[in-house]
Amino acid sequence: MRQPFAITETLEKFDVVATIDGGGVSSQAGALRHGIARALCVFNLELRKALKKAGMLRRDARIKERKKYGQKGARRRFQFSKR
């Protein structure tokens, strides 16, 4: 969580209060890290180069697949019956 602050040397300048929901502990930490990095870019555009080089601005695009109409779940299908 503190990596964006450490990279940009702004560790003592900010206080962070965040509410994160869903996923696991590692995913939540990554989401918070990404959010802090984006907020630092809005605060000072010159920090973007260092954050981008460290890979802090890369987003994980994987999301939960939606449930399809007429089926039990996202991938679950009803059992085939020949008779």
PDB file of N, CA and C in Angstrom:
ATOM      1  N   MET A   1       0.818  -1.187   0.000  1.00  0.00           N
ATOM      2  CA  MET A   1       0.000   0.000   0.000  1.00  0.00           C
ATOM      3  C   MET A   1       0.867   1.257   0.000  1.00  0.00           C
ATOM      4  N   ARG A   2       2.006   1.180   0.626  1.00  0.00           N
ATOM      5  CA  ARG A   2       2.864   2.369   0.735  1.00  0.00           C
ATOM      6  C   ARG A   2       3.824   2.534  -0.443  1.00  0.00           C
ATOM      7  N   GLN A   3       3.830   1.593  -1.363  1.00  0.00           N
ATOM      8  CA  GLN A   3       4.784   1.639  -2.474  1.00  0.00           C
ATOM      9  C   GLN A   3       4.693   2.916  -3.303  1.00  0.00           C
ATOM     10  N   PRO A   4       3.497   3.388  -3.691  1.00  0.00           N
ATOM     11  CA  PRO A   4       3.457   4.633  -4.474  1.00  0.00           C
ATOM     12  C   PRO A   4       4.058   5.821  -3.724  1.00  0.00           C
ATOM     13  N   PHE A   5       3.835   5.872  -2.411  1.00  0.00           N
ATOM     14  CA  PHE A   5       4.402   6.955  -1.611  1.00  0.00           C
ATOM     15  C   PHE A   5       5.916   6.832  -1.531  1.00  0.00           C
ATOM     16  N   ALA A   6       6.409   5.607  -1.391  1.00  0.00           N
ATOM     17  CA  ALA A   6       7.854   5.392  -1.294  1.00  0.00           C
ATOM     18  C   ALA A   6       8.554   5.752  -2.599  1.00  0.00           C
ATOM     19  N   ILE A   7       7.949   5.397  -3.725  1.00  0.00           N
ATOM     20  CA  ILE A   7       8.544   5.677  -5.032  1.00  0.00           C
ATOM     21  C   ILE A   7       8.614   7.181  -5.293  1.00  0.00           C
ATOM     22  N   THR A   8       7.549   7.894  -4.919  1.00  0.00           N
ATOM     23  CA  THR A   8       7.489   9.338  -5.187  1.00  0.00           C
ATOM     24  C   THR A   8       8.007  10.183  -4.030  1.00  0.00           C
ATOM     25  N   GLU A   9       8.460   9.531  -2.957  1.00  0.00           N
ATOM     26  CA  GLU A   9       9.006  10.209  -1.781  1.00  0.00           C
ATOM     27  C   GLU A   9       8.013  11.195  -1.169  1.00  0.00           C
ATOM     28  N   THR A  10       6.756  10.756  -1.052  1.00  0.00           N
ATOM     29  CA  THR A  10       5.698  11.582  -0.456  1.00  0.00           C
ATOM     30  C   THR A  10       5.060  10.862   0.727  1.00  0.00           C
ATOM     31  N   LEU A  11       5.830  10.029   1.416  1.00  0.00           N
ATOM     32  CA  LEU A  11       5.299   9.168   2.477  1.00  0.00           C
ATOM     33  C   LEU A  11       4.699   9.958   3.635  1.00  0.00           C
ATOM     34  N   GLU A  12       5.302  11.075   4.011  1.00  0.00           N
ATOM     35  CA  GLU A  12       4.843  11.848   5.171  1.00  0.00           C
ATOM     36  C   GLU A  12       3.849  12.950   4.802  1.00  0.00           C
ATOM     37  N   LYS A  13       3.539  13.127   3.525  1.00  0.00           N
ATOM     38  CA  LYS A  13       2.686  14.241   3.094  1.00  0.00           C
ATOM     39  C   LYS A  13       1.196  13.939   3.126  1.00  0.00           C
ATOM     40  N   PHE A  14       0.807  12.656   3.098  1.00  0.00           N
ATOM     41  CA  PHE A  14      -0.601  12.304   2.932  1.00  0.00           C
ATOM     42  C   PHE A  14      -1.080  11.333   4.008  1.00  0.00           C
ATOM     43  N   ASP A  15      -2.369  11.442   4.335  1.00  0.00           N
ATOM     44  CA  ASP A  15      -3.068  10.465   5.152  1.00  0.00           C
ATOM     45  C   ASP A  15      -4.115   9.816   4.265  1.00  0.00           C
ATOM     46  N   VAL A  16      -4.255   8.503   4.336  1.00  0.00           N
ATOM     47  CA  VAL A  16      -5.189   7.783   3.473  1.00  0.00           C
ATOM     48  C   VAL A  16      -6.258   7.118   4.320  1.00  0.00           C
ATOM     49  N   VAL A  17      -7.523   7.365   3.946  1.00  0.00           N
ATOM     50  CA  VAL A  17      -8.661   6.667   4.538  1.00  0.00           C
ATOM     51  C   VAL A  17      -9.411   6.042   3.371  1.00  0.00           C
ATOM     52  N   ALA A  18      -9.493   4.706   3.340  1.00  0.00           N
ATOM     53  CA  ALA A  18     -10.098   4.023   2.202  1.00  0.00           C
ATOM     54  C   ALA A  18     -11.025   2.913   2.687  1.00  0.00           C
ATOM     55  N   THR A  19     -12.118   2.716   1.946  1.00  0.00           N
ATOM     56  CA  THR A  19     -13.038   1.613   2.182  1.00  0.00           C
ATOM     57  C   THR A  19     -12.991   0.716   0.951  1.00  0.00           C
ATOM     58  N   ILE A  20     -12.593  -0.530   1.138  1.00  0.00           N
ATOM     59  CA  ILE A  20     -12.452  -1.461   0.021  1.00  0.00           C
ATOM     60  C   ILE A  20     -13.331  -2.666   0.284  1.00  0.00           C
ATOM     61  N   ASP A  21     -14.033  -3.137  -0.755  1.00  0.00           N
ATOM     62  CA  ASP A  21     -14.966  -4.245  -0.603  1.00  0.00           C
ATOM     63  C   ASP A  21     -14.725  -5.257  -1.709  1.00  0.00           C
ATOM     64  N   GLY A  22     -14.884  -6.523  -1.388  1.00  0.00           N
ATOM     65  CA  GLY A  22     -14.809  -7.580  -2.389  1.00  0.00           C
ATOM     66  C   GLY A  22     -13.395  -8.078  -2.615  1.00  0.00           C
ATOM     67  N   GLY A  23     -13.289  -9.190  -3.321  1.00  0.00           N
ATOM     68  CA  GLY A  23     -11.992  -9.776  -3.611  1.00  0.00           C
ATOM     69  C   GLY A  23     -11.338 -10.344  -2.373  1.00  0.00           C
ATOM     70  N   GLY A  24     -10.051 -10.563  -2.440  1.00  0.00           N
ATOM     71  CA  GLY A  24      -9.294 -11.062  -1.297  1.00  0.00           C
ATOM     72  C   GLY A  24      -8.367  -9.989  -0.766  1.00  0.00           C
ATOM     73  N   VAL A  25      -7.588 -10.326   0.214  1.00  0.00           N
ATOM     74  CA  VAL A  25      -6.691  -9.362   0.851  1.00  0.00           C
ATOM     75  C   VAL A  25      -5.666  -8.827  -0.151  1.00  0.00           C
ATOM     76  N   SER A  26      -5.099  -9.709  -0.951  1.00  0.00           N
ATOM     77  CA  SER A  26      -4.096  -9.300  -1.933  1.00  0.00           C
ATOM     78  C   SER A  26      -4.711  -8.403  -3.010  1.00  0.00           C
ATOM     79  N   SER A  27      -5.904  -8.746  -3.473  1.00  0.00           N
ATOM     80  CA  SER A  27      -6.582  -7.943  -4.493  1.00  0.00           C
ATOM     81  C   SER A  27      -6.941  -6.568  -3.955  1.00  0.00           C
ATOM     82  N   GLN A  28      -7.377  -6.521  -2.714  1.00  0.00           N
ATOM     83  CA  GLN A  28      -7.722  -5.247  -2.105  1.00  0.00           C
ATOM     84  C   GLN A  28      -6.487  -4.367  -1.943  1.00  0.00           C
ATOM     85  N   ALA A  29      -5.360  -4.971  -1.556  1.00  0.00           N
ATOM     86  CA  ALA A  29      -4.122  -4.211  -1.421  1.00  0.00           C
ATOM     87  C   ALA A  29      -3.678  -3.661  -2.776  1.00  0.00           C
ATOM     88  N   GLY A  30      -3.806  -4.466  -3.817  1.00  0.00           N
ATOM     89  CA  GLY A  30      -3.451  -4.016  -5.164  1.00  0.00           C
ATOM     90  C   GLY A  30      -4.357  -2.903  -5.651  1.00  0.00           C
ATOM     91  N   ALA A  31      -5.640  -3.007  -5.339  1.00  0.00           N
ATOM     92  CA  ALA A  31      -6.590  -1.965  -5.747  1.00  0.00           C
ATOM     93  C   ALA A  31      -6.302  -0.650  -5.023  1.00  0.00           C
ATOM     94  N   LEU A  32      -5.972  -0.742  -3.753  1.00  0.00           N
ATOM     95  CA  LEU A  32      -5.642   0.458  -2.983  1.00  0.00           C
ATOM     96  C   LEU A  32      -4.356   1.087  -3.501  1.00  0.00           C
ATOM     97  N   ARG A  33      -3.377   0.264  -3.807  1.00  0.00           N
ATOM     98  CA  ARG A  33      -2.111   0.757  -4.365  1.00  0.00           C
ATOM     99  C   ARG A  33      -2.349   1.484  -5.689  1.00  0.00           C
ATOM    100  N   HIS A  34      -3.190   0.896  -6.536  1.00  0.00           N
ATOM    101  CA  HIS A  34      -3.515   1.500  -7.828  1.00  0.00           C
ATOM    102  C   HIS A  34      -4.259   2.826  -7.640  1.00  0.00           C
ATOM    103  N   GLY A  35      -5.199   2.857  -6.706  1.00  0.00           N
ATOM    104  CA  GLY A  35      -5.950   4.081  -6.441  1.00  0.00           C
ATOM    105  C   GLY A  35      -5.073   5.196  -5.909  1.00  0.00           C
ATOM    106  N   ILE A  36      -4.145   4.861  -5.025  1.00  0.00           N
ATOM    107  CA  ILE A  36      -3.230   5.872  -4.490  1.00  0.00           C
ATOM    108  C   ILE A  36      -2.326   6.410  -5.588  1.00  0.00           C
ATOM    109  N   ALA A  37      -1.844   5.527  -6.455  1.00  0.00           N
ATOM    110  CA  ALA A  37      -0.981   5.955  -7.562  1.00  0.00           C
ATOM    111  C   ALA A  37      -1.735   6.904  -8.498  1.00  0.00           C
ATOM    112  N   ARG A  38      -2.986   6.591  -8.787  1.00  0.00           N
ATOM    113  CA  ARG A  38      -3.783   7.472  -9.662  1.00  0.00           C
ATOM    114  C   ARG A  38      -4.054   8.821  -9.004  1.00  0.00           C
ATOM    115  N   ALA A  39      -4.295   8.799  -7.696  1.00  0.00           N
ATOM    116  CA  ALA A  39      -4.531  10.045  -6.969  1.00  0.00           C
ATOM    117  C   ALA A  39      -3.272  10.917  -6.951  1.00  0.00           C
ATOM    118  N   LEU A  40      -2.117  10.283  -6.818  1.00  0.00           N
ATOM    119  CA  LEU A  40      -0.865  11.042  -6.851  1.00  0.00           C
ATOM    120  C   LEU A  40      -0.634  11.677  -8.218  1.00  0.00           C
ATOM    121  N   CYS A  41      -1.065  10.999  -9.288  1.00  0.00           N
ATOM    122  CA  CYS A  41      -0.945  11.570 -10.636  1.00  0.00           C
ATOM    123  C   CYS A  41      -1.834  12.794 -10.794  1.00  0.00           C
ATOM    124  N   VAL A  42      -3.002  12.763 -10.187  1.00  0.00           N
ATOM    125  CA  VAL A  42      -3.898  13.927 -10.239  1.00  0.00           C
ATOM    126  C   VAL A  42      -3.304  15.076  -9.423  1.00  0.00           C
ATOM    127  N   PHE A  43      -2.694  14.733  -8.289  1.00  0.00           N
ATOM    128  CA  PHE A  43      -2.080  15.738  -7.419  1.00  0.00           C
ATOM    129  C   PHE A  43      -0.911  16.433  -8.103  1.00  0.00           C
ATOM    130  N   ASN A  44      -0.024  15.634  -8.720  1.00  0.00           N
ATOM    131  CA  ASN A  44       1.155  16.201  -9.379  1.00  0.00           C
ATOM    132  C   ASN A  44       1.478  15.339 -10.593  1.00  0.00           C
ATOM    133  N   LEU A  45       1.327  15.889 -11.776  1.00  0.00           N
ATOM    134  CA  LEU A  45       1.513  15.139 -13.022  1.00  0.00           C
ATOM    135  C   LEU A  45       2.968  14.706 -13.232  1.00  0.00           C
ATOM    136  N   GLU A  46       3.897  15.368 -12.583  1.00  0.00           N
ATOM    137  CA  GLU A  46       5.313  15.012 -12.736  1.00  0.00           C
ATOM    138  C   GLU A  46       5.647  13.672 -12.071  1.00  0.00           C
ATOM    139  N   LEU A  47       4.804  13.221 -11.143  1.00  0.00           N
ATOM    140  CA  LEU A  47       5.035  11.938 -10.472  1.00  0.00           C
ATOM    141  C   LEU A  47       4.650  10.759 -11.354  1.00  0.00           C
ATOM    142  N   ARG A  48       3.906  11.015 -12.426  1.00  0.00           N
ATOM    143  CA  ARG A  48       3.391   9.954 -13.292  1.00  0.00           C
ATOM    144  C   ARG A  48       4.510   9.100 -13.901  1.00  0.00           C
ATOM    145  N   LYS A  49       5.587   9.746 -14.317  1.00  0.00           N
ATOM    146  CA  LYS A  49       6.671   9.020 -14.980  1.00  0.00           C
ATOM    147  C   LYS A  49       7.271   7.951 -14.057  1.00  0.00           C
ATOM    148  N   ALA A  50       7.527   8.313 -12.812  1.00  0.00           N
ATOM    149  CA  ALA A  50       8.107   7.354 -11.859  1.00  0.00           C
ATOM    150  C   ALA A  50       7.126   6.237 -11.533  1.00  0.00           C
ATOM    151  N   LEU A  51       5.836   6.578 -11.373  1.00  0.00           N
ATOM    152  CA  LEU A  51       4.825   5.573 -11.054  1.00  0.00           C
ATOM    153  C   LEU A  51       4.607   4.615 -12.213  1.00  0.00           C
ATOM    154  N   LYS A  52       4.616   5.146 -13.442  1.00  0.00           N
ATOM    155  CA  LYS A  52       4.410   4.313 -14.615  1.00  0.00           C
ATOM    156  C   LYS A  52       5.589   3.352 -14.808  1.00  0.00           C
ATOM    157  N   LYS A  53       6.799   3.834 -14.568  1.00  0.00           N
ATOM    158  CA  LYS A  53       7.983   2.990 -14.713  1.00  0.00           C
ATOM    159  C   LYS A  53       7.966   1.844 -13.705  1.00  0.00           C
ATOM    160  N   ALA A  54       7.422   2.087 -12.517  1.00  0.00           N
ATOM    161  CA  ALA A  54       7.339   1.058 -11.479  1.00  0.00           C
ATOM    162  C   ALA A  54       6.149   0.128 -11.661  1.00  0.00           C
ATOM    163  N   GLY A  55       5.280   0.410 -12.637  1.00  0.00           N
ATOM    164  CA  GLY A  55       4.130  -0.448 -12.914  1.00  0.00           C
ATOM    165  C   GLY A  55       2.954  -0.216 -11.986  1.00  0.00           C
ATOM    166  N   MET A  56       2.891   0.921 -11.332  1.00  0.00           N
ATOM    167  CA  MET A  56       1.810   1.214 -10.385  1.00  0.00           C
ATOM    168  C   MET A  56       0.511   1.619 -11.072  1.00  0.00           C
ATOM    169  N   LEU A  57       0.581   2.035 -12.329  1.00  0.00           N
ATOM    170  CA  LEU A  57      -0.612   2.511 -13.021  1.00  0.00           C
ATOM    171  C   LEU A  57      -1.248   1.433 -13.886  1.00  0.00           C
ATOM    172  N   ARG A  58      -0.751   0.209 -13.802  1.00  0.00           N
ATOM    173  CA  ARG A  58      -1.310  -0.895 -14.575  1.00  0.00           C
ATOM    174  C   ARG A  58      -2.506  -1.480 -13.835  1.00  0.00           C
ATOM    175  N   ARG A  59      -3.634  -1.625 -14.526  1.00  0.00           N
ATOM    176  CA  ARG A  59      -4.870  -2.104 -13.918  1.00  0.00           C
ATOM    177  C   ARG A  59      -5.103  -3.566 -14.258  1.00  0.00           C
ATOM    178  N   ASP A  60      -5.609  -4.336 -13.287  1.00  0.00           N
ATOM    179  CA  ASP A  60      -5.971  -5.719 -13.526  1.00  0.00           C
ATOM    180  C   ASP A  60      -7.424  -5.735 -14.009  1.00  0.00           C
ATOM    181  N   ALA A  61      -7.648  -6.098 -15.255  1.00  0.00           N
ATOM    182  CA  ALA A  61      -8.964  -5.975 -15.878  1.00  0.00           C
ATOM    183  C   ALA A  61      -9.891  -7.160 -15.620  1.00  0.00           C
ATOM    184  N   ARG A  62      -9.436  -8.158 -14.854  1.00  0.00           N
ATOM    185  CA  ARG A  62     -10.283  -9.335 -14.627  1.00  0.00           C
ATOM    186  C   ARG A  62     -11.443  -8.969 -13.707  1.00  0.00           C
ATOM    187  N   ILE A  63     -12.653  -9.301 -14.164  1.00  0.00           N
ATOM    188  CA  ILE A  63     -13.857  -9.054 -13.373  1.00  0.00           C
ATOM    189  C   ILE A  63     -14.691 -10.326 -13.333  1.00  0.00           C
ATOM    190  N   LYS A  64     -15.672 -10.360 -12.445  1.00  0.00           N
ATOM    191  CA  LYS A  64     -16.534 -11.523 -12.333  1.00  0.00           C
ATOM    192  C   LYS A  64     -17.425 -11.623 -13.570  1.00  0.00           C
ATOM    193  N   GLU A  65     -17.502 -12.834 -14.136  1.00  0.00           N
ATOM    194  CA  GLU A  65     -18.333 -13.067 -15.312  1.00  0.00           C
ATOM    195  C   GLU A  65     -19.800 -13.096 -14.903  1.00  0.00           C
ATOM    196  N   ARG A  66     -20.658 -12.486 -15.719  1.00  0.00           N
ATOM    197  CA  ARG A  66     -22.065 -12.383 -15.347  1.00  0.00           C
ATOM    198  C   ARG A  66     -22.816 -13.681 -15.578  1.00  0.00           C
ATOM    199  N   LYS A  67     -23.910 -13.862 -14.846  1.00  0.00           N
ATOM    200  CA  LYS A  67     -24.784 -15.020 -14.996  1.00  0.00           C
ATOM    201  C   LYS A  67     -25.581 -14.854 -16.291  1.00  0.00           C
ATOM    202  N   LYS A  68     -25.658 -15.925 -17.075  1.00  0.00           N
ATOM    203  CA  LYS A  68     -26.380 -15.870 -18.348  1.00  0.00           C
ATOM    204  C   LYS A  68     -27.863 -16.193 -18.150  1.00  0.00           C
ATOM    205  N   TYR A  69     -28.688 -15.631 -19.018  1.00  0.00           N
ATOM    206  CA  TYR A  69     -30.137 -15.826 -18.949  1.00  0.00           C
ATOM    207  C   TYR A  69     -30.485 -17.295 -19.138  1.00  0.00           C
ATOM    208  N   GLY A  70     -31.361 -17.833 -18.283  1.00  0.00           N
ATOM    209  CA  GLY A  70     -31.837 -19.205 -18.411  1.00  0.00           C
ATOM    210  C   GLY A  70     -30.872 -20.254 -17.893  1.00  0.00           C
ATOM    211  N   GLN A  71     -29.782 -19.836 -17.285  1.00  0.00           N
ATOM    212  CA  GLN A  71     -28.816 -20.790 -16.771  1.00  0.00           C
ATOM    213  C   GLN A  71     -28.631 -20.589 -15.265  1.00  0.00           C
ATOM    214  N   LYS A  72     -27.968 -21.561 -14.647  1.00  0.00           N
ATOM    215  CA  LYS A  72     -27.786 -21.510 -13.199  1.00  0.00           C
ATOM    216  C   LYS A  72     -26.692 -20.536 -12.767  1.00  0.00           C
ATOM    217  N   GLY A  73     -25.694 -20.316 -13.620  1.00  0.00           N
ATOM    218  CA  GLY A  73     -24.591 -19.432 -13.245  1.00  0.00           C
ATOM    219  C   GLY A  73     -23.876 -18.912 -14.462  1.00  0.00           C
ATOM    220  N   ALA A  74     -22.686 -18.391 -14.265  1.00  0.00           N
ATOM    221  CA  ALA A  74     -21.931 -17.821 -15.372  1.00  0.00           C
ATOM    222  C   ALA A  74     -21.513 -18.894 -16.377  1.00  0.00           C
ATOM    223  N   ARG A  75     -21.042 -20.011 -15.879  1.00  0.00           N
ATOM    224  CA  ARG A  75     -20.594 -21.092 -16.760  1.00  0.00           C
ATOM    225  C   ARG A  75     -21.395 -22.373 -16.574  1.00  0.00           C
ATOM    226  N   ARG A  76     -22.118 -22.497 -15.506  1.00  0.00           N
ATOM    227  CA  ARG A  76     -22.893 -23.700 -15.185  1.00  0.00           C
ATOM    228  C   ARG A  76     -24.073 -23.836 -16.138  1.00  0.00           C
ATOM    229  N   ARG A  77     -24.222 -25.007 -16.722  1.00  0.00           N
ATOM    230  CA  ARG A  77     -25.337 -25.289 -17.636  1.00  0.00           C
ATOM    231  C   ARG A  77     -26.224 -26.357 -17.002  1.00  0.00           C
ATOM    232  N   PHE A  78     -27.468 -26.420 -17.467  1.00  0.00           N
ATOM    233  CA  PHE A  78     -28.340 -27.476 -16.999  1.00  0.00           C
ATOM    234  C   PHE A  78     -27.880 -28.806 -17.582  1.00  0.00           C
ATOM    235  N   GLN A  79     -28.073 -29.892 -16.835  1.00  0.00           N
ATOM    236  CA  GLN A  79     -27.610 -31.206 -17.269  1.00  0.00           C
ATOM    237  C   GLN A  79     -28.397 -31.663 -18.498  1.00  0.00           C
ATOM    238  N   PHE A  80     -27.682 -32.175 -19.502  1.00  0.00           N
ATOM    239  CA  PHE A  80     -28.304 -32.648 -20.726  1.00  0.00           C
ATOM    240  C   PHE A  80     -29.002 -33.980 -20.469  1.00  0.00           C
ATOM    241  N   SER A  81     -30.223 -34.118 -20.973  1.00  0.00           N
ATOM    242  CA  SER A  81     -30.961 -35.349 -20.841  1.00  0.00           C
ATOM    243  C   SER A  81     -31.375 -35.828 -22.232  1.00  0.00           C
ATOM    244  N   LYS A  82     -30.934 -37.010 -22.627  1.00  0.00           N
ATOM    245  CA  LYS A  82     -31.261 -37.539 -23.939  1.00  0.00           C
ATOM    246  C   LYS A  82     -32.722 -37.952 -24.014  1.00  0.00           C
ATOM    247  N   ARG A  83     -33.275 -38.415 -22.891  1.00  0.00           N
ATOM    248  CA  ARG A  83     -34.677 -38.850 -22.849  1.00  0.00           C
ATOM    249  C   ARG A  83     -35.440 -38.093 -21.793  1.00  0.00           C
TER     250      ARG A  83
END
